[in-house]
N, C-alpha and C. Protein backbone atom coordinates (compact mmCIF):
# COMPACT_ATOMS: atom_id res chain seq x y z
N MET A 1 -15.77 -0.75 -12.18
CA MET A 1 -15.03 -0.80 -10.92
C MET A 1 -15.71 0.10 -9.89
N ASN A 2 -15.61 -0.25 -8.63
CA ASN A 2 -16.05 0.63 -7.57
C ASN A 2 -15.22 0.36 -6.33
N ILE A 3 -15.22 1.32 -5.43
CA ILE A 3 -14.40 1.22 -4.22
C ILE A 3 -15.27 0.78 -3.05
N THR A 4 -14.98 -0.37 -2.51
CA THR A 4 -15.70 -0.89 -1.35
C THR A 4 -15.11 -0.32 -0.08
N ASN A 5 -15.94 0.09 0.84
CA ASN A 5 -15.46 0.65 2.10
C ASN A 5 -15.18 -0.48 3.09
N PHE A 6 -13.90 -0.74 3.34
CA PHE A 6 -13.51 -1.78 4.29
C PHE A 6 -13.22 -1.21 5.68
N THR A 7 -13.04 0.10 5.78
CA THR A 7 -12.66 0.68 7.06
C THR A 7 -13.84 0.70 8.03
N ARG A 8 -13.52 0.59 9.30
CA ARG A 8 -14.53 0.50 10.35
C ARG A 8 -14.67 1.83 11.08
N LYS A 9 -15.84 2.07 11.63
CA LYS A 9 -16.06 3.31 12.38
C LYS A 9 -15.29 3.28 13.70
N PHE A 10 -15.11 2.09 14.26
CA PHE A 10 -14.32 1.97 15.48
C PHE A 10 -13.76 0.55 15.55
N VAL A 11 -12.65 0.39 16.26
CA VAL A 11 -12.02 -0.92 16.45
C VAL A 11 -12.56 -1.52 17.74
N PRO A 12 -13.15 -2.70 17.67
CA PRO A 12 -13.75 -3.30 18.87
C PRO A 12 -12.70 -3.68 19.91
N LEU A 13 -13.15 -3.79 21.13
CA LEU A 13 -12.28 -4.21 22.23
C LEU A 13 -12.34 -5.73 22.38
N LEU A 14 -11.32 -6.27 23.02
CA LEU A 14 -11.29 -7.71 23.28
C LEU A 14 -12.46 -8.07 24.18
N SER A 15 -13.17 -9.13 23.81
CA SER A 15 -14.38 -9.52 24.51
C SER A 15 -14.18 -10.83 25.26
N ASP A 16 -15.00 -11.04 26.28
CA ASP A 16 -15.01 -12.33 26.98
C ASP A 16 -15.79 -13.37 26.19
N ILE A 17 -16.47 -12.92 25.14
CA ILE A 17 -17.27 -13.82 24.31
C ILE A 17 -16.46 -14.20 23.07
N LYS A 18 -16.15 -15.46 22.95
CA LYS A 18 -15.29 -15.94 21.86
C LYS A 18 -15.84 -15.58 20.49
N ALA A 19 -17.12 -15.75 20.28
CA ALA A 19 -17.73 -15.49 18.97
C ALA A 19 -17.55 -14.03 18.54
N GLU A 20 -17.61 -13.12 19.51
CA GLU A 20 -17.44 -11.70 19.18
C GLU A 20 -16.00 -11.42 18.75
N ASN A 21 -15.03 -12.07 19.39
CA ASN A 21 -13.63 -11.90 19.01
C ASN A 21 -13.37 -12.46 17.61
N ILE A 22 -13.97 -13.60 17.32
CA ILE A 22 -13.81 -14.20 15.99
C ILE A 22 -14.39 -13.27 14.92
N LYS A 23 -15.55 -12.70 15.20
CA LYS A 23 -16.18 -11.78 14.26
C LYS A 23 -15.32 -10.54 14.06
N ALA A 24 -14.74 -10.05 15.16
CA ALA A 24 -13.88 -8.86 15.07
C ALA A 24 -12.65 -9.13 14.21
N ILE A 25 -12.07 -10.31 14.35
CA ILE A 25 -10.91 -10.68 13.54
C ILE A 25 -11.30 -10.78 12.06
N GLN A 26 -12.44 -11.37 11.79
CA GLN A 26 -12.91 -11.52 10.41
C GLN A 26 -13.16 -10.17 9.74
N ASN A 27 -13.52 -9.17 10.53
CA ASN A 27 -13.84 -7.86 9.97
C ASN A 27 -12.66 -6.92 9.84
N ILE A 28 -11.46 -7.35 10.24
CA ILE A 28 -10.27 -6.55 9.99
C ILE A 28 -10.12 -6.43 8.46
N PRO A 29 -9.89 -5.24 7.93
CA PRO A 29 -9.91 -5.05 6.47
C PRO A 29 -9.08 -6.05 5.67
N GLU A 30 -7.85 -6.32 6.11
CA GLU A 30 -7.01 -7.24 5.34
C GLU A 30 -7.55 -8.67 5.38
N ASN A 31 -8.24 -9.02 6.46
CA ASN A 31 -8.84 -10.36 6.53
C ASN A 31 -10.05 -10.47 5.60
N ARG A 32 -10.80 -9.40 5.47
CA ARG A 32 -11.92 -9.41 4.52
C ARG A 32 -11.40 -9.55 3.09
N LEU A 33 -10.29 -8.89 2.79
CA LEU A 33 -9.70 -9.01 1.45
C LEU A 33 -9.17 -10.42 1.21
N ALA A 34 -8.57 -11.01 2.24
CA ALA A 34 -8.07 -12.39 2.10
C ALA A 34 -9.23 -13.34 1.84
N GLN A 35 -10.35 -13.10 2.50
CA GLN A 35 -11.54 -13.94 2.28
C GLN A 35 -12.03 -13.81 0.84
N MET A 36 -11.94 -12.62 0.28
CA MET A 36 -12.35 -12.42 -1.11
C MET A 36 -11.47 -13.22 -2.06
N ILE A 37 -10.16 -13.21 -1.80
CA ILE A 37 -9.23 -13.98 -2.64
C ILE A 37 -9.54 -15.46 -2.52
N GLN A 38 -9.77 -15.91 -1.29
CA GLN A 38 -10.06 -17.34 -1.07
C GLN A 38 -11.35 -17.77 -1.76
N SER A 39 -12.27 -16.82 -1.93
CA SER A 39 -13.54 -17.15 -2.59
C SER A 39 -13.43 -17.08 -4.11
N GLY A 40 -12.24 -16.75 -4.60
CA GLY A 40 -12.02 -16.75 -6.04
C GLY A 40 -12.06 -15.39 -6.71
N ASP A 41 -12.09 -14.31 -5.92
CA ASP A 41 -12.13 -12.96 -6.49
C ASP A 41 -10.78 -12.63 -7.13
N LYS A 42 -10.78 -12.37 -8.44
CA LYS A 42 -9.55 -12.10 -9.18
C LYS A 42 -9.22 -10.61 -9.26
N SER A 43 -10.04 -9.77 -8.62
CA SER A 43 -9.81 -8.34 -8.69
C SER A 43 -8.86 -7.84 -7.59
N VAL A 44 -8.49 -8.75 -6.67
CA VAL A 44 -7.66 -8.37 -5.52
C VAL A 44 -6.32 -9.09 -5.59
N VAL A 45 -5.24 -8.34 -5.35
CA VAL A 45 -3.89 -8.91 -5.31
C VAL A 45 -3.29 -8.67 -3.94
N GLN A 46 -2.80 -9.72 -3.32
CA GLN A 46 -2.12 -9.60 -2.03
C GLN A 46 -0.62 -9.57 -2.25
N VAL A 47 0.05 -8.66 -1.56
CA VAL A 47 1.50 -8.56 -1.62
C VAL A 47 2.05 -9.03 -0.28
N GLY A 48 2.75 -10.16 -0.28
CA GLY A 48 3.25 -10.73 0.96
C GLY A 48 4.51 -10.04 1.46
N MET A 49 4.98 -10.47 2.62
CA MET A 49 6.21 -9.91 3.18
C MET A 49 7.39 -10.27 2.29
N ASN A 50 8.27 -9.28 2.09
CA ASN A 50 9.44 -9.42 1.21
C ASN A 50 9.02 -9.81 -0.20
N GLN A 51 7.93 -9.16 -0.64
CA GLN A 51 7.44 -9.34 -2.00
C GLN A 51 7.05 -7.98 -2.58
N SER A 52 6.94 -7.95 -3.90
CA SER A 52 6.38 -6.79 -4.58
C SER A 52 5.54 -7.28 -5.74
N ALA A 53 4.61 -6.44 -6.17
CA ALA A 53 3.73 -6.80 -7.27
C ALA A 53 3.41 -5.56 -8.08
N ALA A 54 3.28 -5.74 -9.38
CA ALA A 54 2.92 -4.64 -10.27
C ALA A 54 1.79 -5.10 -11.18
N THR A 55 0.89 -4.19 -11.50
CA THR A 55 -0.24 -4.55 -12.36
C THR A 55 -0.82 -3.32 -13.03
N ARG A 56 -1.42 -3.52 -14.19
CA ARG A 56 -2.22 -2.48 -14.82
C ARG A 56 -3.63 -2.57 -14.24
N ILE A 57 -4.21 -1.42 -13.93
CA ILE A 57 -5.57 -1.36 -13.40
C ILE A 57 -6.50 -1.14 -14.59
N LEU A 58 -7.24 -2.19 -14.93
CA LEU A 58 -8.09 -2.16 -16.12
C LEU A 58 -9.55 -2.44 -15.75
N PRO A 59 -10.49 -1.94 -16.54
CA PRO A 59 -11.91 -2.24 -16.28
C PRO A 59 -12.13 -3.76 -16.26
N ASN A 60 -12.89 -4.21 -15.27
CA ASN A 60 -13.19 -5.64 -15.10
C ASN A 60 -11.94 -6.47 -14.82
N GLY A 61 -10.88 -5.79 -14.35
CA GLY A 61 -9.65 -6.51 -13.98
C GLY A 61 -9.30 -6.26 -12.53
N ILE A 62 -8.02 -6.24 -12.25
CA ILE A 62 -7.55 -5.99 -10.88
C ILE A 62 -7.85 -4.54 -10.50
N ASN A 63 -8.43 -4.34 -9.32
CA ASN A 63 -8.69 -2.99 -8.84
C ASN A 63 -8.23 -2.74 -7.41
N THR A 64 -7.62 -3.76 -6.79
CA THR A 64 -7.18 -3.62 -5.40
C THR A 64 -5.86 -4.34 -5.18
N LEU A 65 -4.91 -3.65 -4.56
CA LEU A 65 -3.67 -4.26 -4.10
C LEU A 65 -3.56 -3.98 -2.60
N TYR A 66 -3.07 -4.96 -1.86
CA TYR A 66 -2.89 -4.70 -0.43
C TYR A 66 -1.75 -5.56 0.13
N THR A 67 -1.18 -5.05 1.19
CA THR A 67 -0.20 -5.83 1.93
C THR A 67 -0.49 -5.66 3.41
N ASP A 68 -0.42 -6.77 4.15
CA ASP A 68 -0.73 -6.72 5.58
C ASP A 68 0.52 -7.02 6.40
N GLY A 69 0.34 -7.12 7.70
CA GLY A 69 1.45 -7.48 8.58
C GLY A 69 2.49 -6.39 8.76
N LEU A 70 2.12 -5.13 8.54
CA LEU A 70 3.08 -4.03 8.70
C LEU A 70 3.17 -3.68 10.19
N ALA A 71 4.21 -4.17 10.82
CA ALA A 71 4.42 -3.90 12.24
C ALA A 71 5.87 -3.51 12.44
N GLY A 72 6.31 -2.54 11.65
CA GLY A 72 7.70 -2.11 11.62
C GLY A 72 8.28 -2.22 10.23
N CYS A 73 7.56 -2.86 9.32
CA CYS A 73 8.04 -3.04 7.94
C CYS A 73 7.77 -1.78 7.11
N ASN A 74 8.32 -1.79 5.88
CA ASN A 74 8.12 -0.71 4.93
C ASN A 74 7.15 -1.15 3.84
N ALA A 75 6.18 -0.32 3.53
CA ALA A 75 5.31 -0.56 2.38
C ALA A 75 5.43 0.64 1.45
N THR A 76 5.55 0.36 0.16
CA THR A 76 5.67 1.41 -0.83
C THR A 76 4.67 1.18 -1.94
N LEU A 77 4.02 2.25 -2.37
CA LEU A 77 3.08 2.18 -3.49
C LEU A 77 3.46 3.24 -4.51
N LEU A 78 3.61 2.81 -5.75
CA LEU A 78 3.81 3.73 -6.86
C LEU A 78 2.61 3.60 -7.80
N VAL A 79 2.03 4.73 -8.17
CA VAL A 79 0.92 4.74 -9.11
C VAL A 79 1.27 5.69 -10.26
N SER A 80 1.28 5.15 -11.47
CA SER A 80 1.60 5.94 -12.65
C SER A 80 0.44 5.89 -13.63
N LYS A 81 0.30 6.94 -14.41
CA LYS A 81 -0.72 6.95 -15.47
C LYS A 81 -0.20 6.18 -16.67
N GLY A 82 -1.00 5.28 -17.18
CA GLY A 82 -0.61 4.52 -18.35
C GLY A 82 -0.86 5.29 -19.63
N LEU A 83 -0.22 4.87 -20.70
CA LEU A 83 -0.41 5.51 -21.99
C LEU A 83 -1.86 5.43 -22.46
N ASP A 84 -2.59 4.42 -21.98
CA ASP A 84 -4.00 4.28 -22.34
C ASP A 84 -4.92 5.00 -21.37
N GLY A 85 -4.34 5.71 -20.40
CA GLY A 85 -5.12 6.46 -19.43
C GLY A 85 -5.44 5.71 -18.16
N ASN A 86 -5.22 4.40 -18.16
CA ASN A 86 -5.49 3.59 -16.97
C ASN A 86 -4.29 3.58 -16.03
N PRO A 87 -4.53 3.50 -14.72
CA PRO A 87 -3.42 3.50 -13.77
C PRO A 87 -2.57 2.22 -13.86
N ILE A 88 -1.33 2.36 -13.49
CA ILE A 88 -0.42 1.24 -13.29
C ILE A 88 0.08 1.33 -11.85
N ALA A 89 -0.04 0.25 -11.10
CA ALA A 89 0.30 0.28 -9.67
C ALA A 89 1.39 -0.73 -9.36
N LEU A 90 2.30 -0.32 -8.50
CA LEU A 90 3.38 -1.18 -8.03
C LEU A 90 3.44 -1.06 -6.51
N MET A 91 3.28 -2.17 -5.80
CA MET A 91 3.30 -2.16 -4.34
C MET A 91 4.34 -3.14 -3.82
N SER A 92 5.01 -2.75 -2.74
CA SER A 92 6.00 -3.64 -2.13
C SER A 92 5.88 -3.62 -0.61
N HIS A 93 6.37 -4.69 0.01
CA HIS A 93 6.35 -4.86 1.47
C HIS A 93 7.62 -5.60 1.87
N TYR A 94 8.52 -4.88 2.55
CA TYR A 94 9.79 -5.47 2.95
C TYR A 94 10.12 -5.06 4.38
N THR A 95 10.90 -5.89 5.05
CA THR A 95 11.37 -5.56 6.39
C THR A 95 12.40 -4.45 6.29
N PRO A 96 12.69 -3.77 7.40
CA PRO A 96 13.66 -2.68 7.36
C PRO A 96 15.12 -3.15 7.38
N LEU A 97 15.35 -4.45 7.42
CA LEU A 97 16.72 -4.96 7.43
C LEU A 97 17.45 -4.57 6.14
N GLU A 98 18.75 -4.40 6.24
CA GLU A 98 19.53 -3.95 5.09
C GLU A 98 19.38 -4.86 3.88
N LYS A 99 19.43 -6.17 4.10
CA LYS A 99 19.30 -7.12 2.99
C LYS A 99 17.91 -7.02 2.35
N SER A 100 16.88 -6.86 3.18
CA SER A 100 15.52 -6.74 2.66
C SER A 100 15.36 -5.46 1.85
N ARG A 101 15.98 -4.38 2.32
CA ARG A 101 15.88 -3.11 1.57
C ARG A 101 16.50 -3.26 0.19
N GLN A 102 17.61 -3.97 0.10
CA GLN A 102 18.25 -4.17 -1.20
C GLN A 102 17.37 -5.02 -2.12
N LEU A 103 16.72 -6.03 -1.54
CA LEU A 103 15.79 -6.84 -2.32
C LEU A 103 14.63 -5.98 -2.83
N ASN A 104 14.18 -5.07 -1.98
CA ASN A 104 13.10 -4.15 -2.34
C ASN A 104 13.50 -3.31 -3.55
N VAL A 105 14.68 -2.73 -3.49
CA VAL A 105 15.18 -1.88 -4.58
C VAL A 105 15.31 -2.68 -5.87
N THR A 106 15.86 -3.89 -5.76
CA THR A 106 16.04 -4.74 -6.94
C THR A 106 14.71 -5.11 -7.58
N ALA A 107 13.73 -5.48 -6.73
CA ALA A 107 12.41 -5.85 -7.24
C ALA A 107 11.71 -4.66 -7.90
N PHE A 108 11.82 -3.48 -7.29
CA PHE A 108 11.19 -2.28 -7.85
C PHE A 108 11.78 -1.98 -9.23
N GLU A 109 13.10 -2.05 -9.32
CA GLU A 109 13.75 -1.74 -10.59
C GLU A 109 13.37 -2.76 -11.67
N LYS A 110 13.29 -4.01 -11.30
CA LYS A 110 12.91 -5.06 -12.25
C LYS A 110 11.50 -4.82 -12.78
N GLN A 111 10.57 -4.48 -11.89
CA GLN A 111 9.20 -4.28 -12.32
C GLN A 111 9.02 -2.99 -13.10
N LEU A 112 9.79 -1.97 -12.77
CA LEU A 112 9.75 -0.74 -13.55
C LEU A 112 10.28 -0.98 -14.96
N ASN A 113 11.28 -1.83 -15.07
CA ASN A 113 11.78 -2.20 -16.40
C ASN A 113 10.69 -2.88 -17.22
N ALA A 114 9.88 -3.69 -16.55
CA ALA A 114 8.82 -4.43 -17.25
C ALA A 114 7.63 -3.55 -17.61
N TYR A 115 7.32 -2.55 -16.76
CA TYR A 115 6.09 -1.78 -16.95
C TYR A 115 6.30 -0.35 -17.44
N SER A 116 7.52 0.13 -17.46
CA SER A 116 7.75 1.53 -17.84
C SER A 116 7.30 1.81 -19.27
N TYR A 117 7.31 0.79 -20.12
CA TYR A 117 6.86 0.95 -21.50
C TYR A 117 5.41 1.43 -21.55
N TYR A 118 4.59 1.03 -20.58
CA TYR A 118 3.17 1.37 -20.58
C TYR A 118 2.89 2.71 -19.90
N MET A 119 3.91 3.31 -19.26
CA MET A 119 3.68 4.51 -18.46
C MET A 119 3.82 5.78 -19.29
N ASP A 120 2.96 6.75 -19.00
CA ASP A 120 2.98 8.03 -19.69
C ASP A 120 4.16 8.87 -19.18
N PRO A 121 5.17 9.13 -20.01
CA PRO A 121 6.34 9.87 -19.54
C PRO A 121 6.08 11.35 -19.30
N LYS A 122 4.89 11.84 -19.66
CA LYS A 122 4.58 13.26 -19.48
C LYS A 122 4.00 13.55 -18.11
N THR A 123 3.65 12.51 -17.36
CA THR A 123 3.03 12.71 -16.05
C THR A 123 3.95 12.23 -14.94
N LYS A 124 3.79 12.83 -13.77
CA LYS A 124 4.57 12.42 -12.60
C LYS A 124 3.84 11.31 -11.86
N PRO A 125 4.51 10.19 -11.60
CA PRO A 125 3.85 9.16 -10.79
C PRO A 125 3.74 9.61 -9.34
N LYS A 126 2.79 9.02 -8.65
CA LYS A 126 2.62 9.29 -7.22
C LYS A 126 3.21 8.13 -6.43
N VAL A 127 4.01 8.47 -5.43
CA VAL A 127 4.69 7.45 -4.62
C VAL A 127 4.33 7.68 -3.15
N PHE A 128 3.95 6.59 -2.48
CA PHE A 128 3.55 6.66 -1.08
C PHE A 128 4.40 5.68 -0.27
N PHE A 129 5.01 6.17 0.79
CA PHE A 129 5.77 5.33 1.72
C PHE A 129 4.99 5.23 3.03
N ASN A 130 4.63 4.02 3.42
CA ASN A 130 3.99 3.79 4.72
C ASN A 130 5.03 3.11 5.60
N VAL A 131 5.63 3.88 6.52
CA VAL A 131 6.78 3.41 7.29
C VAL A 131 6.57 3.66 8.79
N ARG A 132 7.37 2.99 9.57
CA ARG A 132 7.25 3.11 11.04
C ARG A 132 7.54 4.54 11.48
N GLY A 133 6.72 4.99 12.43
CA GLY A 133 6.91 6.34 12.96
C GLY A 133 6.99 6.34 14.48
N GLU A 134 7.41 7.45 15.01
CA GLU A 134 7.46 7.66 16.46
C GLU A 134 6.86 9.02 16.77
N GLU A 135 6.18 9.09 17.91
CA GLU A 135 5.52 10.33 18.29
C GLU A 135 6.47 11.22 19.10
N THR A 136 6.60 12.46 18.66
CA THR A 136 7.43 13.44 19.35
C THR A 136 6.60 14.69 19.60
N GLN A 137 6.41 15.04 20.86
CA GLN A 137 5.61 16.21 21.24
C GLN A 137 4.23 16.17 20.57
N GLY A 138 3.64 14.98 20.57
CA GLY A 138 2.29 14.82 20.05
C GLY A 138 2.18 14.72 18.55
N VAL A 139 3.31 14.72 17.87
CA VAL A 139 3.31 14.63 16.40
C VAL A 139 3.98 13.33 15.97
N LEU A 140 3.30 12.55 15.13
CA LEU A 140 3.85 11.29 14.63
C LEU A 140 4.72 11.57 13.41
N LYS A 141 5.99 11.22 13.52
CA LYS A 141 6.94 11.44 12.42
C LYS A 141 7.62 10.12 12.08
N GLU A 142 8.01 10.00 10.79
CA GLU A 142 8.67 8.77 10.38
C GLU A 142 10.03 8.63 11.05
N VAL A 143 10.37 7.40 11.38
CA VAL A 143 11.71 7.09 11.88
C VAL A 143 12.66 7.15 10.70
N PRO A 144 13.85 7.75 10.84
CA PRO A 144 14.80 7.79 9.72
C PRO A 144 14.93 6.43 9.05
N ASN A 145 14.72 6.41 7.74
CA ASN A 145 14.59 5.14 7.04
C ASN A 145 15.31 5.22 5.68
N PRO A 146 16.38 4.45 5.49
CA PRO A 146 17.16 4.52 4.25
C PRO A 146 16.39 4.09 3.01
N ILE A 147 15.28 3.36 3.18
CA ILE A 147 14.59 2.81 2.00
C ILE A 147 14.11 3.91 1.07
N MET A 148 13.71 5.05 1.62
CA MET A 148 13.19 6.12 0.77
C MET A 148 14.27 6.68 -0.14
N GLU A 149 15.43 6.92 0.40
CA GLU A 149 16.55 7.42 -0.43
C GLU A 149 16.97 6.36 -1.44
N GLN A 150 17.00 5.09 -1.01
CA GLN A 150 17.41 4.02 -1.92
C GLN A 150 16.45 3.88 -3.10
N LEU A 151 15.16 3.89 -2.82
CA LEU A 151 14.18 3.76 -3.89
C LEU A 151 14.13 5.01 -4.77
N ASN A 152 14.33 6.16 -4.17
CA ASN A 152 14.33 7.38 -4.96
C ASN A 152 15.48 7.39 -5.97
N GLY A 153 16.58 6.74 -5.62
CA GLY A 153 17.69 6.62 -6.56
C GLY A 153 17.28 5.86 -7.81
N VAL A 154 16.45 4.82 -7.63
CA VAL A 154 15.94 4.05 -8.77
C VAL A 154 14.90 4.85 -9.54
N LEU A 155 14.02 5.52 -8.81
CA LEU A 155 12.93 6.24 -9.45
C LEU A 155 13.44 7.38 -10.34
N LYS A 156 14.54 7.99 -9.97
CA LYS A 156 15.10 9.08 -10.78
C LYS A 156 15.52 8.59 -12.16
N LYS A 157 15.94 7.32 -12.24
CA LYS A 157 16.35 6.77 -13.53
C LYS A 157 15.17 6.65 -14.48
N PHE A 158 14.03 6.27 -13.93
CA PHE A 158 12.86 6.00 -14.76
C PHE A 158 11.97 7.22 -14.97
N PHE A 159 12.03 8.18 -14.04
CA PHE A 159 11.11 9.32 -14.10
C PHE A 159 11.88 10.64 -14.01
N PRO A 160 12.56 10.99 -15.08
CA PRO A 160 13.30 12.27 -15.07
C PRO A 160 12.38 13.47 -14.89
N GLN A 161 11.07 13.29 -15.16
CA GLN A 161 10.10 14.36 -14.97
C GLN A 161 9.78 14.59 -13.51
N GLY A 162 10.28 13.71 -12.63
CA GLY A 162 10.05 13.83 -11.20
C GLY A 162 8.87 12.99 -10.72
N ILE A 163 8.68 12.96 -9.42
CA ILE A 163 7.59 12.21 -8.81
C ILE A 163 6.91 13.07 -7.75
N ASP A 164 5.66 12.74 -7.45
CA ASP A 164 4.97 13.33 -6.30
C ASP A 164 5.05 12.31 -5.17
N GLN A 165 5.70 12.67 -4.09
CA GLN A 165 5.99 11.71 -3.02
C GLN A 165 5.33 12.12 -1.71
N LYS A 166 4.82 11.12 -1.00
CA LYS A 166 4.24 11.36 0.31
C LYS A 166 4.67 10.27 1.27
N VAL A 167 5.15 10.68 2.44
CA VAL A 167 5.56 9.74 3.48
C VAL A 167 4.48 9.70 4.55
N ILE A 168 3.97 8.51 4.84
CA ILE A 168 2.88 8.35 5.82
C ILE A 168 3.38 7.44 6.94
N PRO A 169 3.75 8.02 8.08
CA PRO A 169 4.23 7.18 9.20
C PRO A 169 3.08 6.51 9.93
N TYR A 170 3.38 5.39 10.57
CA TYR A 170 2.37 4.73 11.39
C TYR A 170 2.98 4.37 12.74
N SER A 171 2.14 4.30 13.74
CA SER A 171 2.60 4.01 15.10
C SER A 171 2.62 2.51 15.34
N THR A 172 3.59 2.06 16.12
CA THR A 172 3.65 0.65 16.51
C THR A 172 3.38 0.49 18.00
N LYS A 173 2.85 1.53 18.63
CA LYS A 173 2.56 1.48 20.06
C LYS A 173 1.05 1.44 20.29
N ASN A 174 0.67 0.90 21.45
CA ASN A 174 -0.73 0.83 21.86
C ASN A 174 -1.60 0.15 20.81
N ILE A 175 -1.11 -1.00 20.33
CA ILE A 175 -1.82 -1.74 19.30
C ILE A 175 -2.80 -2.71 19.95
N SER A 176 -4.02 -2.75 19.42
CA SER A 176 -5.02 -3.69 19.92
C SER A 176 -5.01 -4.96 19.07
N PRO A 177 -5.57 -6.06 19.56
CA PRO A 177 -5.58 -7.31 18.79
C PRO A 177 -6.34 -7.20 17.47
N PHE A 178 -7.18 -6.19 17.35
CA PHE A 178 -8.04 -6.09 16.17
C PHE A 178 -7.66 -4.92 15.27
N ASP A 179 -6.50 -4.31 15.50
CA ASP A 179 -6.05 -3.22 14.64
C ASP A 179 -5.64 -3.74 13.28
N SER A 180 -5.80 -2.90 12.28
CA SER A 180 -5.36 -3.23 10.92
C SER A 180 -3.89 -2.86 10.76
N HIS A 181 -3.14 -3.76 10.12
CA HIS A 181 -1.72 -3.51 9.83
C HIS A 181 -1.50 -3.56 8.33
N ALA A 182 -2.43 -2.99 7.58
CA ALA A 182 -2.41 -3.13 6.13
C ALA A 182 -2.26 -1.79 5.42
N MET A 183 -1.67 -1.88 4.22
CA MET A 183 -1.71 -0.78 3.25
C MET A 183 -2.57 -1.29 2.10
N ILE A 184 -3.65 -0.58 1.80
CA ILE A 184 -4.62 -1.04 0.80
C ILE A 184 -4.83 0.05 -0.23
N ALA A 185 -4.64 -0.28 -1.49
CA ALA A 185 -4.90 0.65 -2.59
C ALA A 185 -6.08 0.15 -3.40
N GLN A 186 -7.12 0.96 -3.48
CA GLN A 186 -8.33 0.61 -4.24
C GLN A 186 -8.56 1.66 -5.33
N PHE A 187 -8.89 1.19 -6.51
CA PHE A 187 -9.00 2.08 -7.66
C PHE A 187 -10.40 2.06 -8.26
N ASP A 188 -10.84 3.22 -8.71
CA ASP A 188 -12.06 3.36 -9.50
C ASP A 188 -11.75 4.37 -10.59
N LYS A 189 -11.37 3.86 -11.77
CA LYS A 189 -10.93 4.70 -12.89
C LYS A 189 -9.74 5.54 -12.44
N ASN A 190 -9.87 6.85 -12.39
CA ASN A 190 -8.74 7.70 -12.00
C ASN A 190 -8.86 8.23 -10.57
N LYS A 191 -9.60 7.49 -9.76
CA LYS A 191 -9.68 7.82 -8.34
C LYS A 191 -9.09 6.66 -7.54
N MET A 192 -8.46 6.98 -6.43
CA MET A 192 -7.86 5.95 -5.58
C MET A 192 -8.16 6.24 -4.12
N LYS A 193 -8.51 5.19 -3.41
CA LYS A 193 -8.58 5.27 -1.96
C LYS A 193 -7.40 4.49 -1.42
N LEU A 194 -6.53 5.16 -0.69
CA LEU A 194 -5.39 4.50 -0.05
C LEU A 194 -5.66 4.43 1.44
N THR A 195 -5.66 3.22 1.97
CA THR A 195 -5.85 3.02 3.41
C THR A 195 -4.53 2.51 3.97
N THR A 196 -3.97 3.26 4.91
CA THR A 196 -2.69 2.88 5.49
C THR A 196 -2.89 2.30 6.89
N VAL A 197 -1.81 1.85 7.49
CA VAL A 197 -1.87 1.16 8.78
C VAL A 197 -2.70 1.96 9.79
N GLY A 198 -3.59 1.25 10.47
CA GLY A 198 -4.49 1.91 11.40
C GLY A 198 -5.75 2.43 10.75
N GLU A 199 -5.98 2.01 9.49
CA GLU A 199 -7.17 2.40 8.73
C GLU A 199 -7.26 3.91 8.53
N LYS A 200 -6.11 4.52 8.24
CA LYS A 200 -6.07 5.93 7.90
C LYS A 200 -6.41 6.07 6.42
N GLU A 201 -7.45 6.83 6.11
CA GLU A 201 -7.96 6.92 4.76
C GLU A 201 -7.40 8.14 4.03
N HIS A 202 -7.01 7.91 2.76
CA HIS A 202 -6.51 8.99 1.91
C HIS A 202 -7.22 8.85 0.57
N PHE A 203 -7.91 9.91 0.13
CA PHE A 203 -8.64 9.88 -1.13
C PHE A 203 -7.88 10.72 -2.15
N ILE A 204 -7.51 10.09 -3.26
CA ILE A 204 -6.59 10.72 -4.19
C ILE A 204 -7.15 10.76 -5.60
N ASP A 205 -7.09 11.93 -6.20
CA ASP A 205 -7.44 12.11 -7.60
C ASP A 205 -6.17 11.90 -8.41
N LEU A 206 -6.11 10.83 -9.18
CA LEU A 206 -4.90 10.49 -9.90
C LEU A 206 -4.63 11.43 -11.07
N ASN A 207 -5.60 12.25 -11.44
CA ASN A 207 -5.39 13.23 -12.51
C ASN A 207 -4.84 14.55 -11.99
N ALA A 208 -4.83 14.70 -10.67
CA ALA A 208 -4.37 15.96 -10.08
C ALA A 208 -2.86 16.07 -10.10
């Protein structure tokens, strides 16, 4: 496994030249991942709106999960160490509506029931929330969001040892046509690159 760099050094501006705009759209990270799936790449899993997916990250198997279209929606990623030492990842993408949040909680609990057998109970899973934020005095903070409390209620049942949690807000203002709206988790053994909305990069040692 290896981690491919999908993030761009800069986001291009809208051009008067149609071909340049088409190229810019094709190079948006989530579109490059979609192209990989369309070409038959089985190492990438897409998580659609109001969906969740869970998988074991194994050598020569799935190494990337992503969800796009986050423009006010909630994305959640849970990464746990498996009993065999390989990561187990669960990603979801739901709207902030009350009904969608309940579907999110139900799906998370169902998948944890299916995969908790493989998870190492001695380690704390890492949980990342990529949610809508608003800027206050130059600081981007998450908008109050019930999904975190709701999901934490489920997580406490499965992980009495606790979890390591991080909330990553994203802005929904001043968006360009070529901005990325994706949460992307890429794995290489016990290392993970998490790219959140706006191509914000987070490099994580899963053994830490």
